[in-house]
Amino acid sequence: MPNIKDSIHITSLSKQFKGETLPALQDVTAVIKAGTITGLVGPDGAGKTTLLRLMAGLLLPTQGKISVLGFDTVKEPENLHDVIGYMPQKFGLYEDLTVIENLNFYAALHNLSEEEKPKVFEKMFHFTALRPFTERLAGNLSGGMKQKLGLACSLLGRPKVLLLDEPSVGVDPISRRELWEMVQELVQQGICVVWSTAYLDEADQCGEVLLLNKGKLLFYGPPKELTKRVRARVFEMDILFKKRRLILKEFLKRPDIIDGVIQGNKLRFVCSPSFHIEEKEAKWQAVAPRFEDAFIDILGGSHNGESALAENMPFKHIKGGNHPILAENLTKMFGTFTAAKDISFEIKQGEIFGLLGPNGAGKSTIFKMLCGILQPTAGRALVSGYNLKTAPSRARSRIGYMAQKFSLYGDLSVQENLDFFSGIYGLVGQRRLKEVQQMISIFDLSSYLRSNAGLLPLGYKQRLALACSLMHEPDVLFLDEPTSGVDPLVRREFWNHINGMVEKGVTIMVTTHFMEEAEYCDRIALIYGGVNIATGTPMELKDKVKTKKRPNPSLEEAFIALIERIDRKKAS
């Protein structure tokens, strides 16, 4: 095998798909080094997955070339199989096979002998901590475990180059940290890793980053080099917690504000070079920029804070002073297993309530009981005063639900999905036509109306799913990881809509593994082992884990520390 320090050479690479007017990739040139993690970032449709598939030899370039460890991906594709491990974006394993059956299958694909397998498998079990789950069906694993199994299977061929397409999507912060540590261990062994990610805090930790947009390479180099472009242009501002959404919206209208996000009791802004702090803005404090700040800046900034969706929505009135969502001692048993135990909380009108927790903690079970999808073993759930057990139809008519996995009909077109769901929600006549057309306009779906929903770019799949859940103007909206895997620009677009709807009296419950967006919540319940271990505002949860060594913990640090505290109590 050629001893080449630079593992992947990309030269004047372009890819044009048949029937598409714009190229998926255009004149990309880069050298990706061994012994480091190279991040691959960009908005939805930027060309990230196309580039990874070209590196793996699964696609042929239209122009240019790629060599991997000296092997040309077009002329020597058979040699790539021996040096590349590829983990696709979608879970590529067999969900109806157990963990050990998947490992055996992939070992056979990589020609691992029966003599080699025990030693290699033992290493994978130690590496991934999957030994207790060898007989569990892959489809029944938590999100984090699935990703660990996928990584283990991609490593069975002992690759020199590892291509990972968004391996941490849908994975909780603890599992994400474990995945990152596993990959860093591989890098120390000299493996070249290309990690495509929608989490830009991960990109910040990479040795180098390729930033793509519309098929073009906008930046290649260490992430700190890109971050320099917004140096002295990032500020934080203390605000009244109750007014943070309105204040953010007002500031995002200003031409000298590039981006703005909520961080608990603070607002964080990226400003243009022309920005100057006025006397009335003396509370603004300059802070160190992040890679995400520079990412948003180089792409031209985020949305202006307006939501056409919210503007067209009437203010909601909940009759009789009922809480929009009420959980009373909710418990759910599956056989002898307790998935959720004695869960109680009240959610006020116009509140964003976050349900956080590791994969497998019981969040989805609680979520489904509150939506009426699952019946509790004990306790009760009410929506707008209606009991989901005794008056399920009335309760569900007040609910909008966006599922964690793309829940629409992939074989139907965008237009057919909109027509179908408007009918399911009981819309008829002119109102039905009006609501469908409004959703097409607000979510910019007109170019995709005849496209099968299953083939849409991820950002547009999520837009369509949100549109279908909102056409009947629900009182309560349940969002199960609504921005999982989407880029920061789409994430901000979604939260503009969410913030706007809340100001119109809509009540929202959301689950997320992305701690930055959990900061938008008014209150959070942290679920672990089927139990609510902490409830409070984002700031209150962070205050619970403050120490002298950690005076200003992030929400992700609070998440991890609170769970580790429970684990220590159980162990003692």
Protein backbone atom coordinates (compact mmCIF):
# COMPACT_ATOMS: atom_id res chain seq x y z
CA MET A 1 0.00 0.00 0.00
CA PRO A 2 1.38 3.46 -0.84
CA ASN A 3 2.75 5.28 2.22
CA ILE A 4 1.10 8.67 1.63
CA LYS A 5 0.78 11.17 4.47
CA ASP A 6 -2.01 13.07 2.73
CA SER A 7 -4.74 10.42 2.61
CA ILE A 8 -7.23 11.97 0.16
CA HIS A 9 -6.43 14.23 -2.78
CA ILE A 10 -9.41 15.98 -4.39
CA THR A 11 -8.59 17.77 -7.64
CA SER A 12 -10.97 20.06 -9.61
CA LEU A 13 -13.87 17.80 -8.68
CA SER A 14 -17.36 18.36 -10.13
CA LYS A 15 -20.51 16.24 -10.08
CA GLN A 16 -23.60 16.88 -12.21
CA PHE A 17 -26.65 14.67 -11.75
CA LYS A 18 -28.88 13.96 -14.74
CA GLY A 19 -31.93 16.20 -14.87
CA GLU A 20 -30.52 18.75 -12.40
CA THR A 21 -29.76 22.27 -13.64
CA LEU A 22 -27.08 23.05 -11.04
CA PRO A 23 -24.09 20.82 -10.28
CA ALA A 24 -24.06 19.01 -6.92
CA LEU A 25 -20.34 19.83 -6.66
CA GLN A 26 -18.35 22.38 -8.62
CA ASP A 27 -14.54 22.57 -8.95
CA VAL A 28 -13.67 21.34 -5.46
CA THR A 29 -9.97 20.96 -4.63
CA ALA A 30 -8.62 19.90 -1.22
CA VAL A 31 -6.08 17.62 0.46
CA ILE A 32 -7.34 15.67 3.49
CA LYS A 33 -4.65 14.53 5.92
CA ALA A 34 -4.28 11.35 7.95
CA GLY A 35 -4.11 11.43 11.73
CA THR A 36 -6.78 14.11 12.13
CA ILE A 37 -10.55 14.57 11.98
CA THR A 38 -11.63 16.64 9.00
CA GLY A 39 -15.10 18.12 9.38
CA LEU A 40 -17.46 18.41 6.43
CA VAL A 41 -20.10 21.11 6.98
CA GLY A 42 -22.59 23.16 5.01
CA PRO A 43 -26.32 23.84 4.62
CA ASP A 44 -28.76 21.15 3.46
CA GLY A 45 -28.12 20.36 -0.20
CA ALA A 46 -24.57 21.75 -0.09
CA GLY A 47 -23.09 18.53 -1.52
CA LYS A 48 -21.68 16.92 1.64
CA THR A 49 -23.13 13.42 1.12
CA THR A 50 -22.30 13.54 -2.59
CA LEU A 51 -18.66 14.29 -1.77
CA LEU A 52 -18.46 11.43 0.74
CA ARG A 53 -19.95 9.00 -1.79
CA LEU A 54 -17.45 10.14 -4.39
CA MET A 55 -14.62 9.55 -1.91
CA ALA A 56 -15.99 6.06 -1.23
CA GLY A 57 -16.16 5.25 -4.95
CA LEU A 58 -19.96 4.89 -4.83
CA LEU A 59 -20.38 7.70 -7.38
CA LEU A 60 -18.29 8.67 -10.38
CA PRO A 61 -17.20 12.30 -10.83
CA THR A 62 -18.34 14.27 -13.85
CA GLN A 63 -15.00 16.07 -13.91
CA GLY A 64 -11.80 16.00 -11.87
CA LYS A 65 -10.49 13.16 -9.75
CA ILE A 66 -10.10 11.78 -6.24
CA SER A 67 -7.28 9.56 -5.02
CA VAL A 68 -7.51 7.77 -1.67
CA LEU A 69 -4.15 6.55 -0.32
CA GLY A 70 -2.89 6.81 -3.88
CA PHE A 71 -5.73 4.80 -5.42
CA ASP A 72 -7.82 6.50 -8.12
CA THR A 73 -11.51 6.11 -7.22
CA VAL A 74 -12.45 5.63 -10.91
CA LYS A 75 -9.54 3.52 -12.19
CA GLU A 76 -8.89 1.43 -9.05
CA PRO A 77 -12.25 1.09 -7.27
CA GLU A 78 -11.57 -2.50 -6.15
CA ASN A 79 -8.67 -1.29 -3.98
CA LEU A 80 -10.90 1.18 -2.11
CA HIS A 81 -12.87 -1.58 -0.39
CA ASP A 82 -9.73 -2.65 1.50
CA VAL A 83 -8.86 0.83 2.83
CA ILE A 84 -12.21 2.66 3.35
CA GLY A 85 -14.83 2.33 6.06
CA TYR A 86 -18.08 4.15 5.23
CA MET A 87 -20.94 4.86 7.63
CA PRO A 88 -23.92 6.29 5.72
CA GLN A 89 -26.31 8.96 7.00
CA LYS A 90 -29.24 6.59 7.35
CA PHE A 91 -28.84 3.63 9.70
CA GLY A 92 -27.30 1.12 7.28
CA LEU A 93 -27.58 -2.03 9.37
CA TYR A 94 -30.26 -4.72 9.43
CA GLU A 95 -32.82 -3.82 12.08
CA ASP A 96 -34.32 -7.33 12.18
CA LEU A 97 -30.92 -8.86 13.00
CA THR A 98 -29.34 -8.81 16.44
CA VAL A 99 -26.16 -6.92 17.27
CA ILE A 100 -24.03 -10.06 16.97
CA GLU A 101 -25.75 -11.11 13.73
CA ASN A 102 -24.99 -7.71 12.19
CA LEU A 103 -21.34 -8.02 13.26
CA ASN A 104 -21.14 -11.52 11.78
CA PHE A 105 -22.70 -10.35 8.51
CA TYR A 106 -20.31 -7.41 8.12
CA ALA A 107 -17.36 -9.59 9.14
CA ALA A 108 -18.23 -11.92 6.24
CA LEU A 109 -18.44 -8.95 3.86
CA HIS A 110 -14.93 -7.90 4.96
CA ASN A 111 -13.61 -11.48 4.62
CA LEU A 112 -12.73 -11.80 8.30
CA SER A 113 -11.73 -15.40 9.03
CA GLU A 114 -13.30 -17.45 11.84
CA GLU A 115 -9.93 -17.38 13.61
CA GLU A 116 -9.76 -13.57 13.49
CA LYS A 117 -13.35 -12.86 14.52
CA PRO A 118 -13.19 -13.52 18.31
CA LYS A 119 -10.25 -11.15 18.80
CA VAL A 120 -11.70 -8.43 16.54
CA PHE A 121 -15.21 -8.73 18.05
CA GLU A 122 -13.81 -8.52 21.57
CA LYS A 123 -12.02 -5.31 20.60
CA MET A 124 -15.29 -3.89 19.17
CA PHE A 125 -17.25 -4.81 22.31
CA HIS A 126 -14.66 -3.11 24.50
CA PHE A 127 -14.56 -0.11 22.17
CA THR A 128 -18.33 0.39 21.95
CA ALA A 129 -19.56 -1.06 25.30
CA LEU A 130 -22.14 -3.11 23.36
CA ARG A 131 -21.36 -6.49 24.97
CA PRO A 132 -24.53 -6.52 27.17
CA PHE A 133 -26.68 -6.01 24.06
CA THR A 134 -25.34 -8.68 21.67
CA GLU A 135 -28.70 -10.49 21.45
CA ARG A 136 -30.83 -7.35 21.10
CA LEU A 137 -32.35 -6.57 17.70
CA ALA A 138 -30.56 -3.63 16.07
CA GLY A 139 -33.93 -1.95 15.48
CA ASN A 140 -34.57 -1.94 19.25
CA LEU A 141 -31.34 -0.16 20.13
CA SER A 142 -31.31 3.46 21.25
CA GLY A 143 -30.04 6.06 18.80
CA GLY A 144 -26.61 6.19 20.43
CA MET A 145 -26.24 2.40 20.45
CA LYS A 146 -27.24 2.18 16.78
CA GLN A 147 -24.52 4.65 15.86
CA LYS A 148 -21.94 2.75 17.90
CA LEU A 149 -22.93 -0.50 16.18
CA GLY A 150 -22.76 1.21 12.78
CA LEU A 151 -19.28 2.50 13.60
CA ALA A 152 -18.17 -0.95 14.79
CA CYS A 153 -19.38 -2.60 11.57
CA SER A 154 -17.61 0.01 9.44
CA LEU A 155 -14.37 -0.73 11.32
CA LEU A 156 -14.39 -4.51 10.80
CA GLY A 157 -12.40 -4.11 7.58
CA ARG A 158 -9.66 -2.28 9.53
CA PRO A 159 -9.88 0.79 7.29
CA LYS A 160 -7.16 3.42 6.88
CA VAL A 161 -9.82 5.99 5.91
CA LEU A 162 -13.13 6.36 7.75
CA LEU A 163 -15.99 8.33 6.15
CA LEU A 164 -18.79 9.23 8.59
CA ASP A 165 -21.97 10.87 7.26
CA GLU A 166 -23.57 12.72 10.19
CA PRO A 167 -22.98 9.91 12.72
CA SER A 168 -24.27 11.94 15.68
CA VAL A 169 -27.70 12.94 14.30
CA GLY A 170 -30.43 12.03 16.80
CA VAL A 171 -27.86 11.11 19.45
CA ASP A 172 -27.98 12.53 22.98
CA PRO A 173 -25.07 14.61 24.36
CA ILE A 174 -23.62 11.74 26.41
CA SER A 175 -23.59 9.30 23.48
CA ARG A 176 -22.31 12.06 21.19
CA ARG A 177 -19.37 12.63 23.52
CA GLU A 178 -18.68 8.88 23.62
CA LEU A 179 -18.78 8.65 19.81
CA TRP A 180 -16.37 11.57 19.56
CA GLU A 181 -13.96 9.95 22.03
CA MET A 182 -14.11 6.67 20.10
CA VAL A 183 -13.25 8.40 16.83
CA GLN A 184 -10.44 10.41 18.44
CA GLU A 185 -8.93 7.12 19.61
CA LEU A 186 -8.97 5.91 16.01
CA VAL A 187 -7.29 9.10 14.83
CA GLN A 188 -4.46 8.55 17.31
CA GLN A 189 -3.85 5.25 15.52
CA GLY A 190 -3.22 7.20 12.29
CA ILE A 191 -6.62 6.70 10.63
CA CYS A 192 -7.90 9.49 8.40
CA VAL A 193 -11.44 10.51 9.44
CA VAL A 194 -13.89 12.66 7.47
CA TRP A 195 -16.85 13.58 9.71
CA SER A 196 -19.89 15.22 8.12
CA THR A 197 -21.91 17.04 10.78
CA ALA A 198 -24.82 19.40 11.39
CA TYR A 199 -23.48 20.12 14.91
CA LEU A 200 -21.01 22.95 14.52
CA ASP A 201 -19.59 22.54 18.02
CA GLU A 202 -18.20 19.27 16.60
CA ALA A 203 -16.73 21.13 13.64
CA ASP A 204 -14.99 23.43 16.14
CA GLN A 205 -13.09 20.40 17.49
CA CYS A 206 -11.92 19.16 14.08
CA GLY A 207 -8.34 19.60 12.89
CA GLU A 208 -9.58 21.03 9.59
CA VAL A 209 -12.94 21.80 8.05
CA LEU A 210 -14.38 21.82 4.53
CA LEU A 211 -17.34 24.19 4.27
CA LEU A 212 -19.56 23.63 1.24
CA ASN A 213 -22.46 25.71 -0.05
CA LYS A 214 -24.42 24.99 -3.24
CA GLY A 215 -21.68 22.61 -4.36
CA LYS A 216 -18.85 25.11 -3.96
CA LEU A 217 -16.03 24.97 -1.43
CA LEU A 218 -16.21 28.23 0.55
CA PHE A 219 -13.51 27.41 3.08
CA TYR A 220 -10.89 24.76 3.79
CA GLY A 221 -8.57 24.91 6.78
CA PRO A 222 -8.49 24.93 10.60
CA PRO A 223 -11.84 26.06 12.05
CA LYS A 224 -10.16 28.81 14.08
CA GLU A 225 -9.06 30.43 10.80
CA LEU A 226 -12.68 30.88 9.72
CA THR A 227 -13.70 32.01 13.20
CA LYS A 228 -11.29 34.97 12.88
CA ARG A 229 -13.66 36.62 10.37
CA VAL A 230 -16.10 37.48 13.18
CA ARG A 231 -13.54 38.44 15.80
CA ALA A 232 -14.77 41.42 17.87
CA ARG A 233 -18.22 41.12 16.25
CA VAL A 234 -19.93 38.71 18.69
CA PHE A 235 -21.78 40.02 21.74
CA GLU A 236 -23.98 38.77 24.56
CA MET A 237 -26.69 40.78 26.26
CA ASP A 238 -28.50 40.12 29.56
CA ILE A 239 -32.26 40.43 29.17
CA LEU A 240 -35.51 39.86 31.05
CA PHE A 241 -36.27 36.16 30.63
CA LYS A 242 -39.97 36.74 29.85
CA LYS A 243 -39.20 39.22 27.07
CA ARG A 244 -36.32 37.44 25.36
CA ARG A 245 -38.31 36.31 22.30
CA LEU A 246 -39.74 39.76 21.57
CA ILE A 247 -36.37 41.46 22.13
CA LEU A 248 -34.64 38.98 19.81
CA LYS A 249 -37.24 39.56 17.11
CA GLU A 250 -36.76 43.33 17.29
CA PHE A 251 -32.97 43.17 17.08
CA LEU A 252 -33.01 40.71 14.15
CA LYS A 253 -34.79 43.40 12.10
CA ARG A 254 -31.69 45.61 12.29
CA PRO A 255 -29.45 45.61 9.21
CA ASP A 256 -26.29 45.55 11.37
CA ILE A 257 -27.31 42.29 13.12
CA ILE A 258 -26.17 39.20 11.17
CA ASP A 259 -27.51 36.56 13.57
CA GLY A 260 -29.10 36.24 16.98
CA VAL A 261 -29.97 33.33 19.26
CA ILE A 262 -31.41 32.84 22.74
CA GLN A 263 -29.13 31.45 25.46
CA GLY A 264 -31.28 31.17 28.57
CA ASN A 265 -31.23 34.63 30.19
CA LYS A 266 -29.00 36.06 27.47
CA LEU A 267 -29.15 36.89 23.80
CA ARG A 268 -26.12 36.22 21.60
CA PHE A 269 -25.59 38.34 18.48
CA VAL A 270 -23.23 38.29 15.51
CA CYS A 271 -22.96 41.84 14.21
CA SER A 272 -21.81 43.37 10.94
CA PRO A 273 -18.50 45.31 10.77
CA SER A 274 -20.52 48.56 10.80
CA PHE A 275 -22.07 47.78 14.20
CA HIS A 276 -21.29 50.17 17.07
CA ILE A 277 -22.45 49.86 20.65
CA GLU A 278 -24.64 52.83 21.54
CA GLU A 279 -25.03 54.18 25.06
CA LYS A 280 -28.40 52.48 25.46
CA GLU A 281 -26.72 49.18 24.50
CA ALA A 282 -24.03 49.44 27.18
CA LYS A 283 -25.10 46.07 28.64
CA TRP A 284 -23.69 44.34 25.58
CA GLN A 285 -20.54 42.35 26.30
CA ALA A 286 -18.05 41.16 23.69
CA VAL A 287 -17.50 37.36 23.80
CA ALA A 288 -15.23 34.90 22.03
CA PRO A 289 -16.64 33.85 18.63
CA ARG A 290 -17.52 30.25 17.77
CA PHE A 291 -17.26 28.41 14.49
CA GLU A 292 -21.06 28.56 14.15
CA ASP A 293 -20.94 32.38 14.30
CA ALA A 294 -18.51 32.44 11.37
CA PHE A 295 -20.53 29.79 9.51
CA ILE A 296 -23.68 31.94 9.64
CA ASP A 297 -21.70 35.05 8.68
CA ILE A 298 -20.03 33.52 5.59
CA LEU A 299 -23.43 32.26 4.40
CA GLY A 300 -24.89 35.76 4.55
CA GLY A 301 -26.68 35.72 7.91
CA SER A 302 -29.82 34.11 9.29
CA HIS A 303 -33.51 35.03 9.06
CA ASN A 304 -34.83 38.41 10.16
CA GLY A 305 -36.92 37.03 13.02
CA GLU A 306 -40.26 37.38 11.23
CA SER A 307 -42.61 34.41 10.87
CA ALA A 308 -45.25 34.55 8.15
CA LEU A 309 -46.71 31.43 9.76
CA ALA A 310 -47.34 33.20 13.08
CA GLU A 311 -48.55 36.42 11.44
CA ASN A 312 -51.37 34.50 9.72
CA MET A 313 -52.35 32.64 12.89
CA PRO A 314 -55.20 33.83 15.18
CA PHE A 315 -54.49 34.20 18.90
CA LYS A 316 -55.39 31.04 20.82
CA HIS A 317 -57.82 31.09 23.74
CA ILE A 318 -57.99 28.10 26.06
CA LYS A 319 -61.46 27.98 27.61
CA GLY A 320 -62.13 27.54 31.29
CA GLY A 321 -58.61 28.29 32.47
CA ASN A 322 -57.48 24.75 31.64
CA HIS A 323 -53.80 24.00 31.22
CA PRO A 324 -53.03 23.19 27.58
CA ILE A 325 -51.00 20.16 28.74
CA LEU A 326 -51.38 18.37 32.06
CA ALA A 327 -49.60 15.16 33.08
CA GLU A 328 -50.67 13.50 36.34
CA ASN A 329 -48.61 10.54 37.61
CA LEU A 330 -48.15 9.12 34.12
CA THR A 331 -46.71 5.60 34.23
CA LYS A 332 -46.14 3.22 31.34
CA MET A 333 -45.21 -0.46 31.67
CA PHE A 334 -44.16 -2.73 28.83
CA GLY A 335 -44.46 -6.13 30.47
CA THR A 336 -42.22 -5.93 33.53
CA PHE A 337 -40.24 -2.97 32.16
CA THR A 338 -41.14 0.51 33.44
CA ALA A 339 -40.57 3.00 30.60
CA ALA A 340 -41.96 6.00 32.52
CA LYS A 341 -42.82 6.34 36.21
CA ASP A 342 -45.01 8.92 38.00
CA ILE A 343 -44.44 11.75 35.51
CA SER A 344 -46.29 14.93 36.53
CA PHE A 345 -46.15 18.50 35.25
CA GLU A 346 -48.37 21.35 34.10
CA ILE A 347 -47.61 23.43 31.00
CA LYS A 348 -49.02 26.93 30.72
CA GLN A 349 -50.47 28.52 27.60
CA GLY A 350 -47.86 30.10 25.35
CA GLU A 351 -45.02 28.16 26.98
CA ILE A 352 -42.25 26.14 25.33
CA PHE A 353 -41.62 23.06 27.46
CA GLY A 354 -38.57 20.94 26.67
CA LEU A 355 -38.36 17.22 27.33
CA LEU A 356 -34.67 16.25 27.45
CA GLY A 357 -32.82 13.06 28.27
CA PRO A 358 -30.44 10.43 26.90
CA ASN A 359 -31.51 7.95 24.24
CA GLY A 360 -33.73 5.32 25.85
CA ALA A 361 -34.59 7.51 28.88
CA GLY A 362 -38.36 7.39 28.27
CA LYS A 363 -38.91 10.75 26.54
CA SER A 364 -40.67 9.32 23.49
CA THR A 365 -42.92 7.17 25.70
CA ILE A 366 -44.02 10.25 27.71
CA PHE A 367 -44.43 12.21 24.50
CA LYS A 368 -46.65 9.54 22.95
CA MET A 369 -48.84 9.28 26.04
CA LEU A 370 -49.42 13.05 25.95
CA CYS A 371 -50.34 12.83 22.25
CA GLY A 372 -52.74 9.95 22.77
CA ILE A 373 -50.63 7.52 20.72
CA LEU A 374 -49.96 5.37 23.82
CA GLN A 375 -52.36 4.74 26.69
CA PRO A 376 -50.74 5.05 30.14
CA THR A 377 -50.66 2.08 32.49
CA ALA A 378 -51.51 4.52 35.28
CA GLY A 379 -52.15 8.25 35.63
CA ARG A 380 -53.79 10.54 33.12
CA ALA A 381 -52.95 13.04 30.38
CA LEU A 382 -55.08 16.07 29.45
CA VAL A 383 -54.86 18.41 26.48
CA SER A 384 -56.88 21.67 26.59
CA GLY A 385 -58.88 20.13 29.42
CA TYR A 386 -59.81 16.96 27.49
CA ASN A 387 -58.75 13.58 28.86
CA LEU A 388 -56.87 11.63 26.17
CA LYS A 389 -58.41 8.40 27.46
CA THR A 390 -62.08 9.41 27.84
CA ALA A 391 -62.31 12.08 25.10
CA PRO A 392 -59.52 11.18 22.66
CA SER A 393 -61.10 12.66 19.52
CA ARG A 394 -61.70 16.08 21.09
CA ALA A 395 -58.21 16.14 22.58
CA ARG A 396 -56.49 15.12 19.32
CA SER A 397 -58.37 17.78 17.36
CA ARG A 398 -56.46 20.36 19.43
CA ILE A 399 -53.06 18.73 18.81
CA GLY A 400 -50.44 19.16 16.10
CA TYR A 401 -47.80 16.42 16.05
CA MET A 402 -44.46 16.27 14.24
CA ALA A 403 -42.82 12.88 14.74
CA GLN A 404 -39.12 12.22 15.34
CA LYS A 405 -38.78 10.13 12.18
CA PHE A 406 -40.13 11.53 8.93
CA SER A 407 -43.77 10.54 9.38
CA LEU A 408 -45.29 11.55 6.06
CA TYR A 409 -45.90 9.37 3.03
CA GLY A 410 -42.63 9.09 1.14
CA ASP A 411 -44.27 7.64 -1.98
CA LEU A 412 -46.71 10.54 -2.24
CA SER A 413 -45.74 13.90 -3.67
CA VAL A 414 -45.49 17.03 -1.55
CA GLN A 415 -48.84 18.24 -2.92
CA GLU A 416 -50.49 14.88 -2.21
CA ASN A 417 -49.22 14.88 1.38
CA LEU A 418 -50.57 18.39 1.96
CA ASP A 419 -53.94 17.44 0.45
CA PHE A 420 -54.12 14.22 2.47
CA PHE A 421 -53.28 15.75 5.86
CA SER A 422 -55.58 18.74 5.34
CA GLY A 423 -58.40 16.22 4.83
CA ILE A 424 -57.37 14.14 7.86
CA TYR A 425 -57.63 17.27 10.01
CA GLY A 426 -61.15 17.91 8.71
CA LEU A 427 -60.44 20.94 6.51
CA VAL A 428 -62.88 21.35 3.61
CA GLY A 429 -63.76 23.75 0.81
CA GLN A 430 -62.11 27.14 0.55
CA ARG A 431 -60.45 26.87 3.96
CA ARG A 432 -58.68 23.69 2.88
CA LEU A 433 -57.42 25.30 -0.34
CA LYS A 434 -56.35 28.42 1.55
CA GLU A 435 -54.42 26.53 4.24
CA VAL A 436 -52.61 24.29 1.72
CA GLN A 437 -51.61 27.24 -0.44
CA GLN A 438 -50.48 29.18 2.61
CA MET A 439 -48.19 26.34 3.73
CA ILE A 440 -46.71 26.05 0.22
CA SER A 441 -45.88 29.75 0.28
CA ILE A 442 -44.58 29.98 3.87
CA PHE A 443 -42.31 26.94 3.63
CA ASP A 444 -41.18 27.59 0.04
CA LEU A 445 -42.45 24.22 -1.24
CA SER A 446 -43.58 25.30 -4.73
CA SER A 447 -40.47 23.90 -6.48
CA TYR A 448 -41.05 20.45 -4.93
CA LEU A 449 -44.83 19.99 -5.25
CA ARG A 450 -44.51 17.06 -7.68
CA SER A 451 -41.49 15.51 -5.94
CA ASN A 452 -41.92 12.41 -3.79
CA ALA A 453 -41.71 13.47 -0.15
CA GLY A 454 -39.25 10.68 0.64
CA LEU A 455 -36.72 12.10 -1.84
CA LEU A 456 -36.69 15.67 -0.51
CA PRO A 457 -33.57 17.21 1.04
CA LEU A 458 -33.76 16.84 4.83
CA GLY A 459 -34.51 20.52 5.46
CA TYR A 460 -37.50 20.40 3.11
CA LYS A 461 -38.73 17.12 4.61
CA GLN A 462 -38.85 18.84 7.99
CA ARG A 463 -40.56 21.91 6.52
CA LEU A 464 -43.23 19.69 4.94
CA ALA A 465 -43.72 17.73 8.18
CA LEU A 466 -44.18 20.93 10.17
CA ALA A 467 -46.57 22.33 7.53
CA CYS A 468 -48.73 19.19 7.68
CA SER A 469 -48.92 19.34 11.48
CA LEU A 470 -50.10 22.97 11.52
CA MET A 471 -52.80 23.34 8.85
CA HIS A 472 -55.67 22.93 11.36
CA GLU A 473 -54.18 25.65 13.65
CA PRO A 474 -53.80 23.50 16.80
CA ASP A 475 -53.79 24.81 20.38
CA VAL A 476 -50.92 22.51 21.30
CA LEU A 477 -47.95 21.47 19.17
CA PHE A 478 -45.79 18.43 19.92
CA LEU A 479 -42.39 18.53 18.19
CA ASP A 480 -40.25 15.40 18.53
CA GLU A 481 -36.69 16.42 17.57
CA PRO A 482 -37.94 18.78 14.83
CA THR A 483 -34.50 20.00 13.74
CA SER A 484 -32.53 16.76 14.04
CA GLY A 485 -29.87 16.74 11.34
CA VAL A 486 -30.79 20.06 9.72
CA ASP A 487 -28.26 22.84 9.28
CA PRO A 488 -28.13 25.92 11.57
CA LEU A 489 -29.93 28.13 9.01
CA VAL A 490 -32.96 25.81 8.85
CA ARG A 491 -32.83 25.42 12.64
CA ARG A 492 -33.10 29.20 13.06
CA GLU A 493 -35.97 29.32 10.55
CA PHE A 494 -37.88 26.73 12.58
CA TRP A 495 -37.31 28.58 15.84
CA ASN A 496 -38.49 31.86 14.31
CA HIS A 497 -41.78 30.07 13.57
CA ILE A 498 -41.89 28.43 17.02
CA ASN A 499 -41.19 31.72 18.82
CA GLY A 500 -43.83 33.46 16.72
CA MET A 501 -46.48 30.79 17.39
CA VAL A 502 -45.84 30.94 21.13
CA GLU A 503 -46.49 34.70 21.09
CA LYS A 504 -49.89 33.84 19.54
CA GLY A 505 -50.75 31.60 22.48
CA VAL A 506 -49.80 28.22 20.99
CA THR A 507 -48.31 25.86 23.58
CA ILE A 508 -45.34 23.77 22.48
CA MET A 509 -43.69 20.67 23.87
CA VAL A 510 -40.39 19.81 22.21
CA THR A 511 -37.77 17.10 22.53
CA THR A 512 -34.25 17.78 21.33
CA HIS A 513 -30.69 16.51 21.64
CA PHE A 514 -29.33 19.87 20.54
CA MET A 515 -28.66 21.77 23.74
CA GLU A 516 -28.26 25.15 22.02
CA GLU A 517 -31.92 25.08 20.97
CA ALA A 518 -33.04 23.76 24.37
CA GLU A 519 -32.02 27.24 25.60
CA TYR A 520 -35.15 28.56 23.83
CA CYS A 521 -37.40 26.61 26.23
CA ASP A 522 -39.22 28.37 29.07
CA ARG A 523 -38.86 25.26 31.22
CA ILE A 524 -37.20 21.88 30.83
CA ALA A 525 -37.84 18.44 32.32
CA LEU A 526 -34.80 16.15 32.33
CA ILE A 527 -35.86 12.51 32.02
CA TYR A 528 -33.52 9.66 32.96
CA GLY A 529 -34.41 6.03 33.58
CA GLY A 530 -38.08 6.83 33.04
CA VAL A 531 -38.07 9.36 35.91
CA ASN A 532 -38.14 13.17 35.92
CA ILE A 533 -34.84 13.96 37.70
CA ALA A 534 -34.91 17.78 37.32
CA THR A 535 -37.33 20.49 36.17
CA GLY A 536 -36.71 24.20 35.74
CA THR A 537 -35.68 26.99 33.42
CA PRO A 538 -32.44 26.50 31.46
CA MET A 539 -30.70 28.82 33.94
CA GLU A 540 -32.05 26.93 36.95
CA LEU A 541 -30.70 23.62 35.59
CA LYS A 542 -27.31 25.20 34.96
CA ASP A 543 -27.29 26.68 38.48
CA LYS A 544 -27.74 23.17 39.92
CA VAL A 545 -24.28 22.12 38.68
CA LYS A 546 -22.28 25.31 39.22
CA THR A 547 -18.92 24.83 40.95
CA LYS A 548 -15.80 26.91 41.54
CA LYS A 549 -14.11 25.08 38.69
CA ARG A 550 -17.24 25.41 36.50
CA PRO A 551 -18.80 28.81 37.35
CA ASN A 552 -20.67 29.17 34.03
CA PRO A 553 -21.69 25.71 32.83
CA SER A 554 -23.36 25.25 29.48
CA LEU A 555 -26.71 23.49 29.28
CA GLU A 556 -24.93 20.46 27.77
CA GLU A 557 -22.55 20.36 30.75
CA ALA A 558 -25.56 20.60 33.09
CA PHE A 559 -27.31 17.77 31.22
CA ILE A 560 -24.29 15.48 31.60
CA ALA A 561 -23.50 16.48 35.21
CA LEU A 562 -27.08 15.92 36.45
CA ILE A 563 -27.21 12.45 34.90
CA GLU A 564 -23.75 11.53 36.23
CA ARG A 565 -24.94 12.68 39.69
CA ILE A 566 -27.83 10.18 39.53
CA ASP A 567 -25.47 7.41 38.36
CA ARG A 568 -23.14 8.06 41.31
CA LYS A 569 -26.08 7.86 43.75
CA LYS A 570 -27.15 4.53 42.24
CA ALA A 571 -23.61 3.17 42.47
CA SER A 572 -23.09 4.21 46.11
